[in-house]
């Protein structure tokens, strides 16, 4: 009889231990899935934020300082399109696509007409 009680106690203990291990395993997996979901959501938010920060504008909406700077630096170029970009710090920059001697170039300026960079779309 003692052996039967000891055996039953052992079986119950092993069963309890197995359930506790299974519960801990499930919690770790749930945490991992939640972490992966959070990373995916952050990436989606970054992509959405980037798209929301860049807005195509009419060429007539470019600041005069930007237009004057392009006219000085890229005389004879044709303006094709422009984007207004709100940076993370709240500052505004402008990407302007121009054509010069058959080459498409994207030039970047701040709102005061200061040159920030150039990228050739033909590369």
PDB file of N, CA and C in Angstrom:
ATOM      1  N   UNK A   1       0.818  -1.181   0.000  1.00  0.00           N
ATOM      2  CA  UNK A   1       0.000   0.000   0.000  1.00  0.00           C
ATOM      3  C   UNK A   1       0.869   1.255   0.000  1.00  0.00           C
ATOM      4  N   UNK A   2       1.957   1.208   0.830  1.00  0.00           N
ATOM      5  CA  UNK A   2       2.863   2.342   0.861  1.00  0.00           C
ATOM      6  C   UNK A   2       3.488   2.557  -0.511  1.00  0.00           C
ATOM      7  N   UNK A   3       3.822   1.455  -1.165  1.00  0.00           N
ATOM      8  CA  UNK A   3       4.416   1.567  -2.499  1.00  0.00           C
ATOM      9  C   UNK A   3       3.447   2.213  -3.487  1.00  0.00           C
ATOM     10  N   UNK A   4       2.187   1.880  -3.370  1.00  0.00           N
ATOM     11  CA  UNK A   4       1.169   2.448  -4.255  1.00  0.00           C
ATOM     12  C   UNK A   4       1.037   3.949  -4.014  1.00  0.00           C
ATOM     13  N   UNK A   5       1.028   4.380  -2.769  1.00  0.00           N
ATOM     14  CA  UNK A   5       0.929   5.803  -2.430  1.00  0.00           C
ATOM     15  C   UNK A   5       2.179   6.534  -2.907  1.00  0.00           C
ATOM     16  N   UNK A   6       3.345   5.939  -2.701  1.00  0.00           N
ATOM     17  CA  UNK A   6       4.594   6.530  -3.155  1.00  0.00           C
ATOM     18  C   UNK A   6       4.603   6.653  -4.676  1.00  0.00           C
ATOM     19  N   UNK A   7       4.140   5.605  -5.360  1.00  0.00           N
ATOM     20  CA  UNK A   7       4.082   5.618  -6.818  1.00  0.00           C
ATOM     21  C   UNK A   7       3.129   6.715  -7.312  1.00  0.00           C
ATOM     22  N   UNK A   8       1.971   6.846  -6.715  1.00  0.00           N
ATOM     23  CA  UNK A   8       0.992   7.872  -7.106  1.00  0.00           C
ATOM     24  C   UNK A   8       1.551   9.273  -6.873  1.00  0.00           C
ATOM     25  N   UNK A   9       2.232   9.466  -5.750  1.00  0.00           N
ATOM     26  CA  UNK A   9       2.849  10.758  -5.448  1.00  0.00           C
ATOM     27  C   UNK A   9       3.903  11.096  -6.492  1.00  0.00           C
ATOM     28  N   UNK A  10       4.695  10.121  -6.894  1.00  0.00           N
ATOM     29  CA  UNK A  10       5.721  10.309  -7.904  1.00  0.00           C
ATOM     30  C   UNK A  10       5.103  10.684  -9.250  1.00  0.00           C
ATOM     31  N   UNK A  11       4.041   9.977  -9.637  1.00  0.00           N
ATOM     32  CA  UNK A  11       3.365  10.257 -10.904  1.00  0.00           C
ATOM     33  C   UNK A  11       2.791  11.667 -10.897  1.00  0.00           C
ATOM     34  N   UNK A  12       2.150  12.060  -9.812  1.00  0.00           N
ATOM     35  CA  UNK A  12       1.569  13.399  -9.714  1.00  0.00           C
ATOM     36  C   UNK A  12       2.677  14.453  -9.758  1.00  0.00           C
ATOM     37  N   UNK A  13       3.785  14.222  -9.096  1.00  0.00           N
ATOM     38  CA  UNK A  13       4.901  15.175  -9.089  1.00  0.00           C
ATOM     39  C   UNK A  13       5.483  15.346 -10.487  1.00  0.00           C
ATOM     40  N   UNK A  14       5.697  14.238 -11.176  1.00  0.00           N
ATOM     41  CA  UNK A  14       6.233  14.299 -12.538  1.00  0.00           C
ATOM     42  C   UNK A  14       5.252  15.036 -13.448  1.00  0.00           C
ATOM     43  N   UNK A  15       3.979  14.743 -13.309  1.00  0.00           N
ATOM     44  CA  UNK A  15       2.969  15.425 -14.120  1.00  0.00           C
ATOM     45  C   UNK A  15       2.943  16.918 -13.850  1.00  0.00           C
ATOM     46  N   UNK A  16       3.016  17.291 -12.576  1.00  0.00           N
ATOM     47  CA  UNK A  16       3.029  18.706 -12.202  1.00  0.00           C
ATOM     48  C   UNK A  16       4.263  19.396 -12.776  1.00  0.00           C
ATOM     49  N   UNK A  17       5.423  18.760 -12.668  1.00  0.00           N
ATOM     50  CA  UNK A  17       6.666  19.320 -13.178  1.00  0.00           C
ATOM     51  C   UNK A  17       6.594  19.507 -14.697  1.00  0.00           C
ATOM     52  N   UNK A  18       6.026  18.526 -15.387  1.00  0.00           N
ATOM     53  CA  UNK A  18       5.881  18.617 -16.842  1.00  0.00           C
ATOM     54  C   UNK A  18       4.989  19.777 -17.232  1.00  0.00           C
ATOM     55  N   UNK A  19       3.894  19.975 -16.532  1.00  0.00           N
ATOM     56  CA  UNK A  19       2.981  21.090 -16.810  1.00  0.00           C
ATOM     57  C   UNK A  19       3.672  22.429 -16.577  1.00  0.00           C
ATOM     58  N   UNK A  20       4.456  22.501 -15.512  1.00  0.00           N
ATOM     59  CA  UNK A  20       5.166  23.745 -15.206  1.00  0.00           C
ATOM     60  C   UNK A  20       6.174  24.057 -16.308  1.00  0.00           C
ATOM     61  N   UNK A  21       6.888  23.036 -16.790  1.00  0.00           N
ATOM     62  CA  UNK A  21       7.849  23.224 -17.874  1.00  0.00           C
ATOM     63  C   UNK A  21       7.131  23.659 -19.151  1.00  0.00           C
ATOM     64  N   UNK A  22       6.012  23.035 -19.458  1.00  0.00           N
ATOM     65  CA  UNK A  22       5.238  23.361 -20.654  1.00  0.00           C
ATOM     66  C   UNK A  22       4.739  24.800 -20.587  1.00  0.00           C
ATOM     67  N   UNK A  23       4.290  25.210 -19.419  1.00  0.00           N
ATOM     68  CA  UNK A  23       3.800  26.574 -19.235  1.00  0.00           C
ATOM     69  C   UNK A  23       4.917  27.586 -19.451  1.00  0.00           C
ATOM     70  N   UNK A  24       6.102  27.306 -18.902  1.00  0.00           N
ATOM     71  CA  UNK A  24       7.246  28.195 -19.077  1.00  0.00           C
ATOM     72  C   UNK A  24       7.654  28.251 -20.546  1.00  0.00           C
ATOM     73  N   UNK A  25       7.626  27.117 -21.239  1.00  0.00           N
ATOM     74  CA  UNK A  25       7.966  27.068 -22.653  1.00  0.00           C
ATOM     75  C   UNK A  25       6.986  27.909 -23.473  1.00  0.00           C
ATOM     76  N   UNK A  26       5.696  27.743 -23.170  1.00  0.00           N
ATOM     77  CA  UNK A  26       4.682  28.526 -23.895  1.00  0.00           C
ATOM     78  C   UNK A  26       4.856  30.020 -23.653  1.00  0.00           C
ATOM     79  N   UNK A  27       5.202  30.403 -22.431  1.00  0.00           N
ATOM     80  CA  UNK A  27       5.391  31.820 -22.127  1.00  0.00           C
ATOM     81  C   UNK A  27       6.569  32.375 -22.914  1.00  0.00           C
ATOM     82  N   UNK A  28       7.688  31.616 -22.985  1.00  0.00           N
ATOM     83  CA  UNK A  28       8.845  32.071 -23.761  1.00  0.00           C
ATOM     84  C   UNK A  28       8.473  32.231 -25.224  1.00  0.00           C
ATOM     85  N   UNK A  29       7.730  31.278 -25.772  1.00  0.00           N
ATOM     86  CA  UNK A  29       7.325  31.371 -27.173  1.00  0.00           C
ATOM     87  C   UNK A  29       6.400  32.556 -27.406  1.00  0.00           C
ATOM     88  N   UNK A  30       5.498  32.799 -26.474  1.00  0.00           N
ATOM     89  CA  UNK A  30       4.599  33.942 -26.591  1.00  0.00           C
ATOM     90  C   UNK A  30       5.391  35.242 -26.560  1.00  0.00           C
ATOM     91  N   UNK A  31       6.370  35.336 -25.657  1.00  0.00           N
ATOM     92  CA  UNK A  31       7.213  36.531 -25.584  1.00  0.00           C
ATOM     93  C   UNK A  31       7.968  36.733 -26.885  1.00  0.00           C
ATOM     94  N   UNK A  32       8.494  35.653 -27.469  1.00  0.00           N
ATOM     95  CA  UNK A  32       9.224  35.740 -28.724  1.00  0.00           C
ATOM     96  C   UNK A  32       8.316  36.217 -29.846  1.00  0.00           C
ATOM     97  N   UNK A  33       7.129  35.670 -29.936  1.00  0.00           N
ATOM     98  CA  UNK A  33       6.182  36.075 -30.977  1.00  0.00           C
ATOM     99  C   UNK A  33       5.802  37.539 -30.797  1.00  0.00           C
ATOM    100  N   UNK A  34       5.565  37.960 -29.548  1.00  0.00           N
ATOM    101  CA  UNK A  34       5.221  39.347 -29.292  1.00  0.00           C
ATOM    102  C   UNK A  34       6.382  40.264 -29.653  1.00  0.00           C
ATOM    103  N   UNK A  35       7.615  39.853 -29.369  1.00  0.00           N
ATOM    104  CA  UNK A  35       8.783  40.655 -29.718  1.00  0.00           C
ATOM    105  C   UNK A  35       8.905  40.802 -31.222  1.00  0.00           C
ATOM    106  N   UNK A  36       8.714  39.714 -31.934  1.00  0.00           N
ATOM    107  CA  UNK A  36       8.785  39.770 -33.400  1.00  0.00           C
ATOM    108  C   UNK A  36       7.689  40.659 -33.954  1.00  0.00           C
ATOM    109  N   UNK A  37       6.494  40.589 -33.377  1.00  0.00           N
ATOM    110  CA  UNK A  37       5.391  41.432 -33.822  1.00  0.00           C
ATOM    111  C   UNK A  37       5.712  42.897 -33.588  1.00  0.00           C
ATOM    112  N   UNK A  38       6.310  43.204 -32.440  1.00  0.00           N
ATOM    113  CA  UNK A  38       6.669  44.582 -32.130  1.00  0.00           C
ATOM    114  C   UNK A  38       7.706  45.101 -33.111  1.00  0.00           C
ATOM    115  N   UNK A  39       8.680  44.269 -33.470  1.00  0.00           N
ATOM    116  CA  UNK A  39       9.698  44.673 -34.442  1.00  0.00           C
ATOM    117  C   UNK A  39       9.053  44.937 -35.792  1.00  0.00           C
ATOM    118  N   UNK A  40       8.172  44.053 -36.239  1.00  0.00           N
ATOM    119  CA  UNK A  40       7.487  44.235 -37.509  1.00  0.00           C
ATOM    120  C   UNK A  40       6.662  45.512 -37.508  1.00  0.00           C
ATOM    121  N   UNK A  41       5.954  45.783 -36.405  1.00  0.00           N
ATOM    122  CA  UNK A  41       5.155  47.005 -36.309  1.00  0.00           C
ATOM    123  C   UNK A  41       6.043  48.238 -36.359  1.00  0.00           C
ATOM    124  N   UNK A  42       7.207  48.200 -35.684  1.00  0.00           N
ATOM    125  CA  UNK A  42       8.125  49.329 -35.714  1.00  0.00           C
ATOM    126  C   UNK A  42       8.622  49.582 -37.126  1.00  0.00           C
ATOM    127  N   UNK A  43       8.950  48.520 -37.864  1.00  0.00           N
ATOM    128  CA  UNK A  43       9.413  48.677 -39.236  1.00  0.00           C
ATOM    129  C   UNK A  43       8.318  49.269 -40.109  1.00  0.00           C
ATOM    130  N   UNK A  44       7.075  48.805 -39.919  1.00  0.00           N
ATOM    131  CA  UNK A  44       5.960  49.349 -40.688  1.00  0.00           C
ATOM    132  C   UNK A  44       5.740  50.815 -40.349  1.00  0.00           C
ATOM    133  N   UNK A  45       5.866  51.169 -39.073  1.00  0.00           N
ATOM    134  CA  UNK A  45       5.703  52.564 -38.675  1.00  0.00           C
ATOM    135  C   UNK A  45       6.801  53.423 -39.275  1.00  0.00           C
ATOM    136  N   UNK A  46       8.058  52.922 -39.274  1.00  0.00           N
ATOM    137  CA  UNK A  46       9.156  53.670 -39.876  1.00  0.00           C
ATOM    138  C   UNK A  46       8.893  53.923 -41.353  1.00  0.00           C
ATOM    139  N   UNK A  47       8.444  52.891 -42.071  1.00  0.00           N
ATOM    140  CA  UNK A  47       8.140  53.044 -43.491  1.00  0.00           C
ATOM    141  C   UNK A  47       7.019  54.040 -43.698  1.00  0.00           C
ATOM    142  N   UNK A  48       5.966  53.942 -42.898  1.00  0.00           N
ATOM    143  CA  UNK A  48       4.830  54.847 -43.030  1.00  0.00           C
ATOM    144  C   UNK A  48       5.246  56.278 -42.701  1.00  0.00           C
ATOM    145  N   UNK A  49       6.057  56.449 -41.659  1.00  0.00           N
ATOM    146  CA  UNK A  49       6.512  57.779 -41.272  1.00  0.00           C
ATOM    147  C   UNK A  49       7.348  58.392 -42.365  1.00  0.00           C
ATOM    148  N   UNK A  50       8.222  57.596 -42.954  1.00  0.00           N
ATOM    149  CA  UNK A  50       9.064  58.097 -44.037  1.00  0.00           C
ATOM    150  C   UNK A  50       8.207  58.567 -45.200  1.00  0.00           C
ATOM    151  N   UNK A  51       7.180  57.793 -45.570  1.00  0.00           N
ATOM    152  CA  UNK A  51       6.317  58.174 -46.669  1.00  0.00           C
ATOM    153  C   UNK A  51       5.511  59.419 -46.337  1.00  0.00           C
ATOM    154  N   UNK A  52       5.055  59.550 -45.092  1.00  0.00           N
ATOM    155  CA  UNK A  52       4.272  60.709 -44.692  1.00  0.00           C
ATOM    156  C   UNK A  52       5.133  61.966 -44.636  1.00  0.00           C
ATOM    157  N   UNK A  53       6.424  61.826 -44.392  1.00  0.00           N
ATOM    158  CA  UNK A  53       7.311  62.971 -44.283  1.00  0.00           C
ATOM    159  C   UNK A  53       7.688  63.548 -45.640  1.00  0.00           C
ATOM    160  N   UNK A  54       7.508  62.801 -46.714  1.00  0.00           N
ATOM    161  CA  UNK A  54       7.866  63.251 -48.041  1.00  0.00           C
ATOM    162  C   UNK A  54       6.598  63.453 -48.845  1.00  0.00           C
ATOM    163  N   UNK A  55       6.384  64.696 -49.293  1.00  0.00           N
ATOM    164  CA  UNK A  55       5.168  65.047 -50.013  1.00  0.00           C
ATOM    165  C   UNK A  55       5.545  65.721 -51.320  1.00  0.00           C
ATOM    166  N   UNK A  56       4.987  65.218 -52.416  1.00  0.00           N
ATOM    167  CA  UNK A  56       5.229  65.859 -53.707  1.00  0.00           C
ATOM    168  C   UNK A  56       4.489  67.188 -53.739  1.00  0.00           C
ATOM    169  N   UNK A  57       5.176  68.204 -54.216  1.00  0.00           N
ATOM    170  CA  UNK A  57       4.581  69.539 -54.285  1.00  0.00           C
ATOM    171  C   UNK A  57       4.689  70.071 -55.711  1.00  0.00           C
ATOM    172  N   UNK A  58       3.914  71.102 -55.996  1.00  0.00           N
ATOM    173  CA  UNK A  58       4.011  71.785 -57.286  1.00  0.00           C
ATOM    174  C   UNK A  58       5.319  72.570 -57.320  1.00  0.00           C
ATOM    175  N   UNK A  59       5.905  72.687 -58.498  1.00  0.00           N
ATOM    176  CA  UNK A  59       7.145  73.447 -58.621  1.00  0.00           C
ATOM    177  C   UNK A  59       6.930  74.891 -58.188  1.00  0.00           C
ATOM    178  N   UNK A  60       5.734  75.412 -58.409  1.00  0.00           N
ATOM    179  CA  UNK A  60       5.426  76.793 -58.014  1.00  0.00           C
ATOM    180  C   UNK A  60       5.403  76.964 -56.491  1.00  0.00           C
ATOM    181  N   UNK A  61       5.342  75.858 -55.744  1.00  0.00           N
ATOM    182  CA  UNK A  61       5.338  75.926 -54.281  1.00  0.00           C
ATOM    183  C   UNK A  61       6.736  75.886 -53.676  1.00  0.00           C
ATOM    184  N   UNK A  62       7.762  75.757 -54.515  1.00  0.00           N
ATOM    185  CA  UNK A  62       9.136  75.788 -53.999  1.00  0.00           C
ATOM    186  C   UNK A  62       9.457  77.184 -53.490  1.00  0.00           C
ATOM    187  N   UNK A  63      10.183  77.292 -52.389  1.00  0.00           N
ATOM    188  CA  UNK A  63      10.588  78.622 -51.911  1.00  0.00           C
ATOM    189  C   UNK A  63      11.446  79.337 -52.964  1.00  0.00           C
ATOM    190  N   UNK A  64      11.303  80.635 -53.023  1.00  0.00           N
ATOM    191  CA  UNK A  64      12.058  81.425 -54.003  1.00  0.00           C
ATOM    192  C   UNK A  64      13.560  81.220 -53.813  1.00  0.00           C
ATOM    193  N   UNK A  65      14.017  81.064 -52.578  1.00  0.00           N
ATOM    194  CA  UNK A  65      15.450  80.858 -52.312  1.00  0.00           C
ATOM    195  C   UNK A  65      15.950  79.575 -52.974  1.00  0.00           C
ATOM    196  N   UNK A  66      15.131  78.537 -52.986  1.00  0.00           N
ATOM    197  CA  UNK A  66      15.507  77.273 -53.623  1.00  0.00           C
ATOM    198  C   UNK A  66      15.535  77.455 -55.142  1.00  0.00           C
ATOM    199  N   UNK A  67      14.531  78.116 -55.684  1.00  0.00           N
ATOM    200  CA  UNK A  67      14.487  78.364 -57.133  1.00  0.00           C
ATOM    201  C   UNK A  67      15.695  79.189 -57.578  1.00  0.00           C
ATOM    202  N   UNK A  68      16.036  80.234 -56.810  1.00  0.00           N
ATOM    203  CA  UNK A  68      17.190  81.078 -57.150  1.00  0.00           C
ATOM    204  C   UNK A  68      18.488  80.283 -57.095  1.00  0.00           C
ATOM    205  N   UNK A  69      18.636  79.427 -56.094  1.00  0.00           N
ATOM    206  CA  UNK A  69      19.861  78.630 -55.953  1.00  0.00           C
ATOM    207  C   UNK A  69      20.003  77.649 -57.114  1.00  0.00           C
ATOM    208  N   UNK A  70      18.895  77.033 -57.525  1.00  0.00           N
ATOM    209  CA  UNK A  70      18.946  76.106 -58.667  1.00  0.00           C
ATOM    210  C   UNK A  70      19.293  76.872 -59.938  1.00  0.00           C
ATOM    211  N   UNK A  71      18.708  78.050 -60.127  1.00  0.00           N
ATOM    212  CA  UNK A  71      18.987  78.860 -61.322  1.00  0.00           C
ATOM    213  C   UNK A  71      20.465  79.241 -61.388  1.00  0.00           C
ATOM    214  N   UNK A  72      21.070  79.546 -60.229  1.00  0.00           N
ATOM    215  CA  UNK A  72      22.501  79.901 -60.206  1.00  0.00           C
ATOM    216  C   UNK A  72      23.387  78.686 -60.477  1.00  0.00           C
ATOM    217  N   UNK A  73      23.103  77.582 -59.810  1.00  0.00           N
ATOM    218  CA  UNK A  73      23.986  76.416 -59.879  1.00  0.00           C
ATOM    219  C   UNK A  73      23.726  75.513 -61.079  1.00  0.00           C
ATOM    220  N   UNK A  74      22.512  75.524 -61.581  1.00  0.00           N
ATOM    221  CA  UNK A  74      22.135  74.618 -62.668  1.00  0.00           C
ATOM    222  C   UNK A  74      21.460  75.394 -63.793  1.00  0.00           C
ATOM    223  N   UNK A  75      22.122  76.477 -64.238  1.00  0.00           N
ATOM    224  CA  UNK A  75      21.561  77.324 -65.292  1.00  0.00           C
ATOM    225  C   UNK A  75      21.256  76.474 -66.531  1.00  0.00           C
ATOM    226  N   UNK A  76      20.106  76.717 -67.125  1.00  0.00           N
ATOM    227  CA  UNK A  76      19.709  75.982 -68.323  1.00  0.00           C
ATOM    228  C   UNK A  76      19.039  74.651 -68.045  1.00  0.00           C
ATOM    229  N   UNK A  77      18.875  74.295 -66.777  1.00  0.00           N
ATOM    230  CA  UNK A  77      18.229  73.032 -66.413  1.00  0.00           C
ATOM    231  C   UNK A  77      16.717  73.186 -66.429  1.00  0.00           C
ATOM    232  N   UNK A  78      16.041  72.067 -66.638  1.00  0.00           N
ATOM    233  CA  UNK A  78      14.579  72.050 -66.581  1.00  0.00           C
ATOM    234  C   UNK A  78      14.154  71.357 -65.303  1.00  0.00           C
ATOM    235  N   UNK A  79      13.284  72.012 -64.554  1.00  0.00           N
ATOM    236  CA  UNK A  79      12.757  71.419 -63.331  1.00  0.00           C
ATOM    237  C   UNK A  79      11.639  70.462 -63.702  1.00  0.00           C
ATOM    238  N   UNK A  80      11.686  69.244 -63.134  1.00  0.00           N
ATOM    239  CA  UNK A  80      10.681  68.236 -63.471  1.00  0.00           C
ATOM    240  C   UNK A  80       9.653  68.058 -62.366  1.00  0.00           C
ATOM    241  N   UNK A  81      10.109  67.819 -61.126  1.00  0.00           N
ATOM    242  CA  UNK A  81       9.201  67.633 -59.992  1.00  0.00           C
ATOM    243  C   UNK A  81       9.934  67.949 -58.703  1.00  0.00           C
ATOM    244  N   UNK A  82       9.140  68.121 -57.632  1.00  0.00           N
ATOM    245  CA  UNK A  82       9.733  68.487 -56.341  1.00  0.00           C
ATOM    246  C   UNK A  82       9.003  67.790 -55.206  1.00  0.00           C
ATOM    247  N   UNK A  83       9.755  67.505 -54.143  1.00  0.00           N
ATOM    248  CA  UNK A  83       9.209  66.920 -52.924  1.00  0.00           C
ATOM    249  C   UNK A  83       9.616  67.791 -51.748  1.00  0.00           C
ATOM    250  N   UNK A  84       8.677  67.993 -50.822  1.00  0.00           N
ATOM    251  CA  UNK A  84       8.984  68.669 -49.558  1.00  0.00           C
ATOM    252  C   UNK A  84       9.116  67.573 -48.505  1.00  0.00           C
ATOM    253  N   UNK A  85      10.222  67.587 -47.790  1.00  0.00           N
ATOM    254  CA  UNK A  85      10.501  66.551 -46.798  1.00  0.00           C
ATOM    255  C   UNK A  85      10.614  67.201 -45.427  1.00  0.00           C
ATOM    256  N   UNK A  86       9.832  66.687 -44.484  1.00  0.00           N
ATOM    257  CA  UNK A  86       9.923  67.132 -43.099  1.00  0.00           C
ATOM    258  C   UNK A  86      10.854  66.160 -42.381  1.00  0.00           C
ATOM    259  N   UNK A  87      11.980  66.670 -41.927  1.00  0.00           N
ATOM    260  CA  UNK A  87      12.972  65.854 -41.229  1.00  0.00           C
ATOM    261  C   UNK A  87      12.483  65.555 -39.812  1.00  0.00           C
ATOM    262  N   UNK A  88      13.129  64.591 -39.156  1.00  0.00           N
ATOM    263  CA  UNK A  88      12.760  64.214 -37.794  1.00  0.00           C
ATOM    264  C   UNK A  88      12.835  65.386 -36.822  1.00  0.00           C
ATOM    265  N   UNK A  89      13.760  66.312 -37.065  1.00  0.00           N
ATOM    266  CA  UNK A  89      13.904  67.466 -36.168  1.00  0.00           C
ATOM    267  C   UNK A  89      12.933  68.595 -36.501  1.00  0.00           C
ATOM    268  N   UNK A  90      12.071  68.366 -37.514  1.00  0.00           N
ATOM    269  CA  UNK A  90      11.068  69.363 -37.888  1.00  0.00           C
ATOM    270  C   UNK A  90      11.503  70.287 -39.007  1.00  0.00           C
ATOM    271  N   UNK A  91      12.771  70.236 -39.387  1.00  0.00           N
ATOM    272  CA  UNK A  91      13.237  71.105 -40.470  1.00  0.00           C
ATOM    273  C   UNK A  91      12.700  70.600 -41.810  1.00  0.00           C
ATOM    274  N   UNK A  92      12.599  71.520 -42.754  1.00  0.00           N
ATOM    275  CA  UNK A  92      12.062  71.209 -44.075  1.00  0.00           C
ATOM    276  C   UNK A  92      13.191  71.245 -45.090  1.00  0.00           C
ATOM    277  N   UNK A  93      13.258  70.215 -45.929  1.00  0.00           N
ATOM    278  CA  UNK A  93      14.196  70.196 -47.055  1.00  0.00           C
ATOM    279  C   UNK A  93      13.403  69.921 -48.328  1.00  0.00           C
ATOM    280  N   UNK A  94      14.044  70.207 -49.450  1.00  0.00           N
ATOM    281  CA  UNK A  94      13.388  70.025 -50.742  1.00  0.00           C
ATOM    282  C   UNK A  94      14.268  69.188 -51.651  1.00  0.00           C
ATOM    283  N   UNK A  95      13.677  68.157 -52.251  1.00  0.00           N
ATOM    284  CA  UNK A  95      14.338  67.366 -53.280  1.00  0.00           C
ATOM    285  C   UNK A  95      13.703  67.783 -54.597  1.00  0.00           C
ATOM    286  N   UNK A  96      14.534  68.226 -55.516  1.00  0.00           N
ATOM    287  CA  UNK A  96      14.029  68.705 -56.793  1.00  0.00           C
ATOM    288  C   UNK A  96      14.689  67.894 -57.898  1.00  0.00           C
ATOM    289  N   UNK A  97      13.861  67.327 -58.758  1.00  0.00           N
ATOM    290  CA  UNK A  97      14.374  66.563 -59.887  1.00  0.00           C
ATOM    291  C   UNK A  97      14.490  67.513 -61.069  1.00  0.00           C
ATOM    292  N   UNK A  98      15.706  67.564 -61.640  1.00  0.00           N
ATOM    293  CA  UNK A  98      15.958  68.439 -62.781  1.00  0.00           C
ATOM    294  C   UNK A  98      16.574  67.626 -63.915  1.00  0.00           C
ATOM    295  N   UNK A  99      16.505  68.182 -65.106  1.00  0.00           N
ATOM    296  CA  UNK A  99      17.165  67.588 -66.269  1.00  0.00           C
ATOM    297  C   UNK A  99      18.192  68.589 -66.776  1.00  0.00           C
ATOM    298  N   UNK A 100      19.426  68.112 -66.898  1.00  0.00           N
ATOM    299  CA  UNK A 100      20.514  68.960 -67.397  1.00  0.00           C
ATOM    300  C   UNK A 100      21.278  68.167 -68.445  1.00  0.00           C
ATOM    301  N   UNK A 101      21.297  68.684 -69.667  1.00  0.00           N
ATOM    302  CA  UNK A 101      21.990  68.031 -70.781  1.00  0.00           C
ATOM    303  C   UNK A 101      21.570  66.566 -70.915  1.00  0.00           C
ATOM    304  N   UNK A 102      20.275  66.316 -70.785  1.00  0.00           N
ATOM    305  CA  UNK A 102      19.742  64.970 -70.938  1.00  0.00           C
ATOM    306  C   UNK A 102      19.900  64.068 -69.723  1.00  0.00           C
ATOM    307  N   UNK A 103      20.569  64.559 -68.696  1.00  0.00           N
ATOM    308  CA  UNK A 103      20.783  63.763 -67.486  1.00  0.00           C
ATOM    309  C   UNK A 103      19.787  64.189 -66.409  1.00  0.00           C
ATOM    310  N   UNK A 104      19.162  63.195 -65.768  1.00  0.00           N
ATOM    311  CA  UNK A 104      18.229  63.474 -64.675  1.00  0.00           C
ATOM    312  C   UNK A 104      19.024  63.509 -63.373  1.00  0.00           C
ATOM    313  N   UNK A 105      18.852  64.607 -62.637  1.00  0.00           N
ATOM    314  CA  UNK A 105      19.582  64.814 -61.387  1.00  0.00           C
ATOM    315  C   UNK A 105      18.581  65.201 -60.304  1.00  0.00           C
ATOM    316  N   UNK A 106      18.796  64.678 -59.110  1.00  0.00           N
ATOM    317  CA  UNK A 106      17.992  65.092 -57.959  1.00  0.00           C
ATOM    318  C   UNK A 106      18.892  65.947 -57.078  1.00  0.00           C
ATOM    319  N   UNK A 107      18.461  67.188 -56.848  1.00  0.00           N
ATOM    320  CA  UNK A 107      19.231  68.104 -56.010  1.00  0.00           C
ATOM    321  C   UNK A 107      18.454  68.374 -54.731  1.00  0.00           C
ATOM    322  N   UNK A 108      19.193  68.541 -53.639  1.00  0.00           N
ATOM    323  CA  UNK A 108      18.566  68.745 -52.340  1.00  0.00           C
ATOM    324  C   UNK A 108      18.994  70.089 -51.764  1.00  0.00           C
ATOM    325  N   UNK A 109      17.980  70.818 -51.256  1.00  0.00           N
ATOM    326  CA  UNK A 109      18.207  72.125 -50.652  1.00  0.00           C
ATOM    327  C   UNK A 109      17.400  72.236 -49.367  1.00  0.00           C
ATOM    328  N   UNK A 110      17.882  73.101 -48.461  1.00  0.00           N
ATOM    329  CA  UNK A 110      17.040  73.422 -47.310  1.00  0.00           C
ATOM    330  C   UNK A 110      16.130  74.584 -47.713  1.00  0.00           C
ATOM    331  N   UNK A 111      15.256  74.991 -46.809  1.00  0.00           N
ATOM    332  CA  UNK A 111      14.260  76.016 -47.118  1.00  0.00           C
ATOM    333  C   UNK A 111      14.884  77.382 -47.420  1.00  0.00           C
ATOM    334  N   UNK A 112      16.131  77.601 -46.972  1.00  0.00           N
ATOM    335  CA  UNK A 112      16.807  78.881 -47.219  1.00  0.00           C
ATOM    336  C   UNK A 112      17.606  78.871 -48.515  1.00  0.00           C
ATOM    337  N   UNK A 113      17.576  77.764 -49.243  1.00  0.00           N
ATOM    338  CA  UNK A 113      18.296  77.683 -50.505  1.00  0.00           C
ATOM    339  C   UNK A 113      19.726  77.195 -50.370  1.00  0.00           C
ATOM    340  N   UNK A 114      20.087  76.661 -49.216  1.00  0.00           N
ATOM    341  CA  UNK A 114      21.433  76.105 -49.031  1.00  0.00           C
ATOM    342  C   UNK A 114      21.496  74.717 -49.647  1.00  0.00           C
ATOM    343  N   UNK A 115      22.519  74.494 -50.464  1.00  0.00           N
ATOM    344  CA  UNK A 115      22.709  73.217 -51.151  1.00  0.00           C
ATOM    345  C   UNK A 115      23.041  72.128 -50.138  1.00  0.00           C
ATOM    346  N   UNK A 116      22.332  70.976 -50.245  1.00  0.00           N
ATOM    347  CA  UNK A 116      22.561  69.845 -49.346  1.00  0.00           C
ATOM    348  C   UNK A 116      23.149  68.621 -50.042  1.00  0.00           C
ATOM    349  N   UNK A 117      22.945  68.531 -51.350  1.00  0.00           N
ATOM    350  CA  UNK A 117      23.488  67.378 -52.051  1.00  0.00           C
ATOM    351  C   UNK A 117      22.884  67.192 -53.423  1.00  0.00           C
ATOM    352  N   UNK A 118      23.447  66.233 -54.131  1.00  0.00           N
ATOM    353  CA  UNK A 118      23.020  65.934 -55.504  1.00  0.00           C
ATOM    354  C   UNK A 118      23.111  64.432 -55.736  1.00  0.00           C
ATOM    355  N   UNK A 119      22.169  63.917 -56.475  1.00  0.00           N
ATOM    356  CA  UNK A 119      22.146  62.493 -56.818  1.00  0.00           C
ATOM    357  C   UNK A 119      21.761  62.356 -58.275  1.00  0.00           C
ATOM    358  N   UNK A 120      22.541  61.591 -59.017  1.00  0.00           N
ATOM    359  CA  UNK A 120      22.204  61.356 -60.408  1.00  0.00           C
ATOM    360  C   UNK A 120      21.308  60.130 -60.489  1.00  0.00           C
ATOM    361  N   UNK A 121      20.163  60.253 -61.162  1.00  0.00           N
ATOM    362  CA  UNK A 121      19.252  59.114 -61.333  1.00  0.00           C
ATOM    363  C   UNK A 121      19.751  58.167 -62.412  1.00  0.00           C
ATOM    364  N   UNK A 122      20.767  58.548 -63.165  1.00  0.00           N
ATOM    365  CA  UNK A 122      21.282  57.720 -64.248  1.00  0.00           C
ATOM    366  C   UNK A 122      22.304  56.708 -63.766  1.00  0.00           C
ATOM    367  N   UNK A 123      22.704  56.768 -62.496  1.00  0.00           N
ATOM    368  CA  UNK A 123      23.734  55.854 -61.987  1.00  0.00           C
ATOM    369  C   UNK A 123      23.172  54.496 -61.694  1.00  0.00           C
TER     370      UNK A 123
END
